[in-house]
Protein backbone atom coordinates (compact mmCIF):
# COMPACT_ATOMS: atom_id res chain seq x y z
CA UNK A 1 0.00 0.00 0.00
CA UNK A 2 2.92 2.39 0.53
CA UNK A 3 3.62 2.96 -3.18
CA UNK A 4 -0.05 2.97 -4.09
CA UNK A 5 -0.58 5.79 -1.57
CA UNK A 6 2.33 7.71 -3.15
CA UNK A 7 0.59 7.39 -6.51
CA UNK A 8 -2.68 8.65 -5.00
CA UNK A 9 -0.90 11.66 -3.51
CA UNK A 10 0.84 12.49 -6.80
CA UNK A 11 -2.36 12.16 -8.81
CA UNK A 12 -4.09 14.54 -6.37
CA UNK A 13 -1.18 16.99 -6.69
CA UNK A 14 -1.76 17.01 -10.45
CA UNK A 15 -5.52 17.61 -9.93
CA UNK A 16 -6.33 14.16 -11.26
CA UNK A 17 -8.42 11.26 -10.04
CA UNK A 18 -7.16 7.75 -9.59
CA UNK A 19 -9.28 5.07 -11.23
CA UNK A 20 -11.06 2.91 -8.70
CA UNK A 21 -10.29 -0.42 -10.35
CA UNK A 22 -7.52 -1.23 -7.87
CA UNK A 23 -7.03 -1.03 -4.14
CA UNK A 24 -7.22 2.49 -2.74
CA UNK A 25 -5.89 3.81 0.55
CA UNK A 26 -7.80 7.05 1.03
CA UNK A 27 -9.21 8.19 4.36
CA UNK A 28 -13.01 8.30 4.09
CA UNK A 29 -13.28 12.10 4.22
CA UNK A 30 -10.55 12.47 1.59
CA UNK A 31 -12.23 9.87 -0.64
CA UNK A 32 -15.59 11.65 -0.63
CA UNK A 33 -13.93 15.02 -1.16
CA UNK A 34 -12.19 13.69 -4.28
CA UNK A 35 -15.11 11.67 -5.62
CA UNK A 36 -18.00 14.13 -5.13
CA UNK A 37 -19.36 12.75 -1.89
CA UNK A 38 -22.26 15.22 -1.74
CA UNK A 39 -23.73 14.03 -5.04
CA UNK A 40 -23.02 10.41 -4.15
CA UNK A 41 -24.79 10.67 -0.79
CA UNK A 42 -27.84 12.23 -2.45
CA UNK A 43 -28.04 9.41 -5.01
CA UNK A 44 -27.38 6.75 -2.40
CA UNK A 45 -30.19 8.13 -0.26
CA UNK A 46 -32.58 8.30 -3.24
CA UNK A 47 -31.92 4.75 -4.44
CA UNK A 48 -30.85 2.97 -1.23
CA UNK A 49 -32.48 5.00 1.52
CA UNK A 50 -32.48 2.05 3.91
CA UNK A 51 -28.72 1.54 3.46
CA UNK A 52 -29.04 -2.11 2.50
CA UNK A 53 -26.15 -2.01 0.05
CA UNK A 54 -22.52 -1.20 0.77
CA UNK A 55 -21.38 2.32 0.05
CA UNK A 56 -18.80 3.34 -2.52
CA UNK A 57 -16.08 3.85 0.09
CA UNK A 58 -16.69 0.42 1.61
CA UNK A 59 -16.48 -1.20 -1.82
CA UNK A 60 -13.52 0.71 -3.24
CA UNK A 61 -11.30 1.29 -0.23
CA UNK A 62 -12.31 -1.05 2.54
CA UNK A 63 -12.82 -3.97 0.17
CA UNK A 64 -15.92 -5.08 2.04
């Protein structure tokens, strides 16, 4: 994870976004800041208001 986190930091420095196809090591607040957490939460609430499904952070970072 050490080098992957270095890549994430460099991509952020360049105002880019890392693709979420591989393991990510973001803190949850950082993740939602980078990946439009406000819009995501609104959609999640609209389509999964009961929270039955895992969230994007849990899937992409936590690997749950």
